[in-house]
Amino acid sequence: MLRLPTLAAVLGASFLLTGTANAGDYRCANVNKWAPKAYAEQFVKERLKNPRKAQFSGNRATREGEIERCVFIVAGWVESTNGFGATVRSDYAVKLRRRSNRWEALEVAIE
């Protein structure tokens, strides 16, 4: 059985407490401000049973931040249908990185 990392492991204690990550002086150049959230949602959809009907938290309910140069964390919730057809809301956290013109998921947790 595939084991996903826990939300706390992906987010780290400082992100959970403050709701934001400290980017310091290492901002990733030329990143659209919506790109981390959009790619994080795509990585979450890849792990859902029914991704077409997935509804994600809006911008106010979603937290995101750059924790290292070109490494971002995005956290929020997703509503989707499970294997029995019931709609469930789950929290998610994605740690992702931008390399050149590609995005890759480093960790994805859905609880």
N, C-alpha and C. Protein backbone atom coordinates (compact mmCIF):
# COMPACT_ATOMS: atom_id res chain seq x y z
N MET A 1 0.84 -1.18 0.00
CA MET A 1 0.00 0.00 0.00
C MET A 1 0.89 1.24 0.00
N LEU A 2 0.57 2.19 -0.84
CA LEU A 2 1.32 3.44 -0.93
C LEU A 2 1.01 4.29 0.28
N ARG A 3 2.06 4.75 0.95
CA ARG A 3 1.88 5.60 2.12
C ARG A 3 2.25 7.03 1.77
N LEU A 4 1.31 7.92 1.96
CA LEU A 4 1.55 9.33 1.69
C LEU A 4 2.15 9.99 2.93
N PRO A 5 2.98 10.98 2.75
CA PRO A 5 3.49 11.72 3.90
C PRO A 5 2.36 12.46 4.59
N THR A 6 2.53 12.72 5.87
CA THR A 6 1.49 13.46 6.60
C THR A 6 1.60 14.94 6.28
N LEU A 7 0.51 15.65 6.52
CA LEU A 7 0.50 17.09 6.27
C LEU A 7 1.59 17.78 7.08
N ALA A 8 1.74 17.40 8.34
CA ALA A 8 2.73 18.05 9.19
C ALA A 8 4.14 17.82 8.65
N ALA A 9 4.39 16.64 8.13
CA ALA A 9 5.72 16.35 7.59
C ALA A 9 6.00 17.20 6.36
N VAL A 10 5.00 17.40 5.52
CA VAL A 10 5.20 18.19 4.31
C VAL A 10 5.33 19.67 4.66
N LEU A 11 4.48 20.15 5.53
CA LEU A 11 4.45 21.57 5.81
C LEU A 11 5.56 22.04 6.74
N GLY A 12 5.88 21.26 7.72
CA GLY A 12 6.86 21.70 8.71
C GLY A 12 6.21 22.59 9.75
N ALA A 13 6.75 22.60 10.93
CA ALA A 13 6.13 23.30 12.06
C ALA A 13 6.02 24.79 11.84
N SER A 14 7.01 25.45 11.26
CA SER A 14 6.95 26.91 11.12
C SER A 14 5.84 27.33 10.17
N PHE A 15 5.62 26.57 9.11
CA PHE A 15 4.55 26.90 8.17
C PHE A 15 3.20 26.73 8.83
N LEU A 16 3.03 25.67 9.62
CA LEU A 16 1.75 25.44 10.29
C LEU A 16 1.45 26.54 11.30
N LEU A 17 2.46 27.01 12.00
CA LEU A 17 2.23 28.00 13.03
C LEU A 17 1.97 29.39 12.47
N THR A 18 2.71 29.77 11.44
CA THR A 18 2.60 31.13 10.94
C THR A 18 1.66 31.27 9.76
N GLY A 19 1.42 30.18 9.04
CA GLY A 19 0.55 30.24 7.88
C GLY A 19 1.27 30.73 6.63
N THR A 20 2.55 30.94 6.73
CA THR A 20 3.32 31.38 5.58
C THR A 20 4.75 30.89 5.74
N ALA A 21 5.43 30.82 4.66
CA ALA A 21 6.84 30.45 4.71
C ALA A 21 7.67 31.70 4.53
N ASN A 22 8.84 31.71 5.12
CA ASN A 22 9.72 32.86 5.00
C ASN A 22 10.60 32.70 3.79
N ALA A 23 10.40 33.52 2.80
CA ALA A 23 11.14 33.39 1.55
C ALA A 23 12.53 33.99 1.64
N GLY A 24 12.77 34.90 2.56
CA GLY A 24 14.09 35.51 2.68
C GLY A 24 14.52 36.16 1.38
N ASP A 25 15.78 35.98 1.01
CA ASP A 25 16.33 36.60 -0.19
C ASP A 25 16.48 35.62 -1.33
N TYR A 26 15.79 34.53 -1.34
CA TYR A 26 16.02 33.52 -2.37
C TYR A 26 14.80 33.26 -3.24
N ARG A 27 14.11 34.27 -3.61
CA ARG A 27 12.93 34.11 -4.47
C ARG A 27 13.30 33.52 -5.82
N CYS A 28 12.44 32.66 -6.30
CA CYS A 28 12.62 32.05 -7.62
C CYS A 28 12.23 33.08 -8.68
N ALA A 29 13.08 33.29 -9.63
CA ALA A 29 12.85 34.31 -10.66
C ALA A 29 11.79 33.87 -11.67
N ASN A 30 11.02 34.82 -12.14
CA ASN A 30 10.07 34.61 -13.23
C ASN A 30 9.02 33.54 -12.95
N VAL A 31 8.50 33.48 -11.74
CA VAL A 31 7.42 32.55 -11.41
C VAL A 31 6.13 33.33 -11.30
N ASN A 32 5.15 32.95 -12.11
CA ASN A 32 3.82 33.53 -12.02
C ASN A 32 3.28 33.26 -10.63
N LYS A 33 2.66 34.25 -9.99
CA LYS A 33 2.22 34.06 -8.61
C LYS A 33 1.15 32.98 -8.45
N TRP A 34 0.46 32.62 -9.51
CA TRP A 34 -0.57 31.58 -9.44
C TRP A 34 -0.02 30.20 -9.78
N ALA A 35 1.17 30.12 -10.32
CA ALA A 35 1.72 28.84 -10.79
C ALA A 35 1.86 27.79 -9.69
N PRO A 36 2.41 28.10 -8.52
CA PRO A 36 2.54 27.04 -7.51
C PRO A 36 1.20 26.42 -7.14
N LYS A 37 0.17 27.25 -6.95
CA LYS A 37 -1.16 26.73 -6.59
C LYS A 37 -1.73 25.87 -7.73
N ALA A 38 -1.61 26.33 -8.95
CA ALA A 38 -2.15 25.59 -10.09
C ALA A 38 -1.46 24.23 -10.24
N TYR A 39 -0.15 24.20 -10.12
CA TYR A 39 0.56 22.93 -10.25
C TYR A 39 0.30 22.02 -9.06
N ALA A 40 0.19 22.59 -7.86
CA ALA A 40 -0.13 21.78 -6.69
C ALA A 40 -1.48 21.10 -6.85
N GLU A 41 -2.46 21.85 -7.34
CA GLU A 41 -3.79 21.26 -7.57
C GLU A 41 -3.71 20.14 -8.60
N GLN A 42 -2.90 20.31 -9.62
CA GLN A 42 -2.74 19.26 -10.63
C GLN A 42 -2.14 18.00 -10.01
N PHE A 43 -1.14 18.17 -9.15
CA PHE A 43 -0.52 17.01 -8.50
C PHE A 43 -1.50 16.31 -7.55
N VAL A 44 -2.38 17.07 -6.91
CA VAL A 44 -3.41 16.47 -6.05
C VAL A 44 -4.42 15.72 -6.92
N LYS A 45 -4.86 16.33 -8.01
CA LYS A 45 -5.84 15.68 -8.91
C LYS A 45 -5.33 14.33 -9.41
N GLU A 46 -4.04 14.23 -9.67
CA GLU A 46 -3.46 12.98 -10.16
C GLU A 46 -3.65 11.84 -9.16
N ARG A 47 -3.91 12.17 -7.90
CA ARG A 47 -4.03 11.14 -6.86
C ARG A 47 -5.47 10.90 -6.42
N LEU A 48 -6.43 11.60 -7.02
CA LEU A 48 -7.84 11.44 -6.65
C LEU A 48 -8.52 10.38 -7.52
N LYS A 49 -9.56 9.75 -6.95
CA LYS A 49 -10.31 8.75 -7.70
C LYS A 49 -11.14 9.38 -8.81
N ASN A 50 -11.70 10.57 -8.55
CA ASN A 50 -12.53 11.25 -9.54
C ASN A 50 -12.06 12.71 -9.65
N PRO A 51 -10.98 12.96 -10.37
CA PRO A 51 -10.42 14.31 -10.41
C PRO A 51 -11.28 15.33 -11.16
N ARG A 52 -12.15 14.89 -12.04
CA ARG A 52 -12.96 15.84 -12.83
C ARG A 52 -13.87 16.69 -11.97
N LYS A 53 -14.37 16.12 -10.89
CA LYS A 53 -15.32 16.84 -10.05
C LYS A 53 -14.66 17.48 -8.83
N ALA A 54 -13.37 17.52 -8.79
CA ALA A 54 -12.66 18.08 -7.64
C ALA A 54 -12.86 19.58 -7.56
N GLN A 55 -13.14 20.06 -6.36
CA GLN A 55 -13.27 21.49 -6.09
C GLN A 55 -12.23 21.85 -5.04
N PHE A 56 -11.41 22.86 -5.32
CA PHE A 56 -10.33 23.23 -4.42
C PHE A 56 -10.66 24.49 -3.64
N SER A 57 -9.99 24.65 -2.50
CA SER A 57 -10.15 25.85 -1.68
C SER A 57 -9.77 27.08 -2.50
N GLY A 58 -10.44 28.15 -2.21
CA GLY A 58 -10.16 29.40 -2.92
C GLY A 58 -8.86 30.03 -2.44
N ASN A 59 -8.53 31.17 -3.00
CA ASN A 59 -7.27 31.82 -2.67
C ASN A 59 -7.18 32.22 -1.20
N ARG A 60 -8.28 32.59 -0.58
CA ARG A 60 -8.25 32.99 0.84
C ARG A 60 -8.03 31.80 1.77
N ALA A 61 -8.49 30.63 1.38
CA ALA A 61 -8.36 29.44 2.24
C ALA A 61 -7.11 28.63 1.93
N THR A 62 -6.37 29.01 0.92
CA THR A 62 -5.18 28.28 0.53
C THR A 62 -3.94 29.04 1.00
N ARG A 63 -3.03 28.32 1.63
CA ARG A 63 -1.77 28.92 2.08
C ARG A 63 -0.66 28.47 1.17
N GLU A 64 0.25 29.37 0.89
CA GLU A 64 1.38 28.99 0.06
C GLU A 64 2.57 29.87 0.38
N GLY A 65 3.74 29.36 0.09
CA GLY A 65 4.95 30.13 0.32
C GLY A 65 6.16 29.45 -0.29
N GLU A 66 7.17 30.25 -0.49
CA GLU A 66 8.43 29.73 -1.02
C GLU A 66 9.35 29.47 0.17
N ILE A 67 9.78 28.22 0.36
CA ILE A 67 10.57 27.87 1.54
C ILE A 67 12.07 27.80 1.24
N GLU A 68 12.43 27.60 0.01
CA GLU A 68 13.80 27.65 -0.46
C GLU A 68 13.73 28.20 -1.87
N ARG A 69 14.87 28.42 -2.46
CA ARG A 69 14.87 28.92 -3.83
C ARG A 69 14.17 27.93 -4.75
N CYS A 70 13.06 28.35 -5.34
CA CYS A 70 12.26 27.58 -6.29
C CYS A 70 11.61 26.35 -5.68
N VAL A 71 11.48 26.29 -4.36
CA VAL A 71 10.75 25.21 -3.68
C VAL A 71 9.60 25.85 -2.92
N PHE A 72 8.39 25.39 -3.20
CA PHE A 72 7.17 26.00 -2.66
C PHE A 72 6.38 24.96 -1.88
N ILE A 73 5.56 25.45 -0.95
CA ILE A 73 4.59 24.61 -0.27
C ILE A 73 3.23 25.27 -0.48
N VAL A 74 2.25 24.45 -0.84
CA VAL A 74 0.87 24.90 -1.01
C VAL A 74 -0.01 23.99 -0.17
N ALA A 75 -0.91 24.56 0.61
CA ALA A 75 -1.81 23.77 1.45
C ALA A 75 -3.22 24.35 1.36
N GLY A 76 -4.20 23.47 1.37
CA GLY A 76 -5.60 23.88 1.31
C GLY A 76 -6.49 22.68 1.49
N TRP A 77 -7.68 22.73 0.92
CA TRP A 77 -8.57 21.57 0.97
C TRP A 77 -9.11 21.29 -0.42
N VAL A 78 -9.58 20.06 -0.59
CA VAL A 78 -10.17 19.64 -1.86
C VAL A 78 -11.43 18.83 -1.54
N GLU A 79 -12.49 19.09 -2.27
CA GLU A 79 -13.71 18.29 -2.17
C GLU A 79 -13.77 17.43 -3.42
N SER A 80 -13.95 16.12 -3.20
CA SER A 80 -14.02 15.19 -4.32
C SER A 80 -14.90 14.01 -3.92
N THR A 81 -15.27 13.21 -4.89
CA THR A 81 -16.07 12.04 -4.59
C THR A 81 -15.15 10.85 -4.35
N ASN A 82 -15.53 10.05 -3.37
CA ASN A 82 -14.72 8.87 -3.07
C ASN A 82 -15.22 7.68 -3.90
N GLY A 83 -14.71 6.51 -3.63
CA GLY A 83 -15.07 5.31 -4.39
C GLY A 83 -16.54 4.92 -4.27
N PHE A 84 -17.23 5.43 -3.23
CA PHE A 84 -18.65 5.11 -3.04
C PHE A 84 -19.57 6.20 -3.58
N GLY A 85 -18.99 7.25 -4.15
CA GLY A 85 -19.78 8.33 -4.73
C GLY A 85 -20.12 9.45 -3.77
N ALA A 86 -19.65 9.35 -2.52
CA ALA A 86 -19.91 10.40 -1.54
C ALA A 86 -18.88 11.51 -1.68
N THR A 87 -19.32 12.74 -1.47
CA THR A 87 -18.41 13.87 -1.52
C THR A 87 -17.71 14.01 -0.18
N VAL A 88 -16.39 14.09 -0.23
CA VAL A 88 -15.60 14.24 1.00
C VAL A 88 -14.65 15.43 0.83
N ARG A 89 -14.38 16.09 1.94
CA ARG A 89 -13.41 17.19 1.95
C ARG A 89 -12.16 16.71 2.65
N SER A 90 -11.03 16.89 2.00
CA SER A 90 -9.75 16.48 2.55
C SER A 90 -8.78 17.65 2.52
N ASP A 91 -7.92 17.70 3.52
CA ASP A 91 -6.84 18.69 3.50
C ASP A 91 -5.70 18.15 2.66
N TYR A 92 -4.98 19.04 2.01
CA TYR A 92 -3.83 18.61 1.22
C TYR A 92 -2.66 19.56 1.45
N ALA A 93 -1.48 19.05 1.23
CA ALA A 93 -0.26 19.86 1.25
C ALA A 93 0.66 19.31 0.17
N VAL A 94 1.24 20.20 -0.59
CA VAL A 94 2.14 19.80 -1.67
C VAL A 94 3.43 20.61 -1.55
N LYS A 95 4.53 19.90 -1.58
CA LYS A 95 5.84 20.55 -1.65
C LYS A 95 6.30 20.34 -3.09
N LEU A 96 6.54 21.42 -3.81
CA LEU A 96 6.89 21.30 -5.22
C LEU A 96 8.06 22.20 -5.57
N ARG A 97 8.72 21.85 -6.66
CA ARG A 97 9.91 22.59 -7.08
C ARG A 97 9.81 22.90 -8.56
N ARG A 98 10.33 24.07 -8.90
CA ARG A 98 10.43 24.47 -10.30
C ARG A 98 11.89 24.34 -10.72
N ARG A 99 12.11 23.59 -11.77
CA ARG A 99 13.44 23.43 -12.36
C ARG A 99 13.34 23.77 -13.83
N SER A 100 14.10 24.74 -14.26
CA SER A 100 14.02 25.23 -15.64
C SER A 100 12.58 25.61 -15.92
N ASN A 101 11.93 24.95 -16.85
CA ASN A 101 10.52 25.24 -17.16
C ASN A 101 9.60 24.11 -16.74
N ARG A 102 10.06 23.25 -15.83
CA ARG A 102 9.26 22.12 -15.37
C ARG A 102 8.95 22.25 -13.88
N TRP A 103 7.80 21.74 -13.50
CA TRP A 103 7.42 21.66 -12.09
C TRP A 103 7.39 20.20 -11.70
N GLU A 104 7.86 19.89 -10.49
CA GLU A 104 7.81 18.52 -10.00
C GLU A 104 7.34 18.51 -8.56
N ALA A 105 6.56 17.48 -8.23
CA ALA A 105 6.09 17.32 -6.86
C ALA A 105 7.15 16.59 -6.07
N LEU A 106 7.57 17.20 -4.97
CA LEU A 106 8.53 16.56 -4.10
C LEU A 106 7.81 15.69 -3.06
N GLU A 107 6.69 16.22 -2.55
CA GLU A 107 5.86 15.48 -1.59
C GLU A 107 4.42 15.94 -1.77
N VAL A 108 3.49 14.99 -1.65
CA VAL A 108 2.06 15.29 -1.70
C VAL A 108 1.39 14.53 -0.57
N ALA A 109 0.65 15.24 0.27
CA ALA A 109 -0.09 14.62 1.37
C ALA A 109 -1.55 15.01 1.25
N ILE A 110 -2.43 14.02 1.35
CA ILE A 110 -3.88 14.26 1.34
C ILE A 110 -4.45 13.51 2.52
N GLU A 111 -5.11 14.24 3.41
CA GLU A 111 -5.69 13.62 4.63
C GLU A 111 -7.15 14.00 4.76
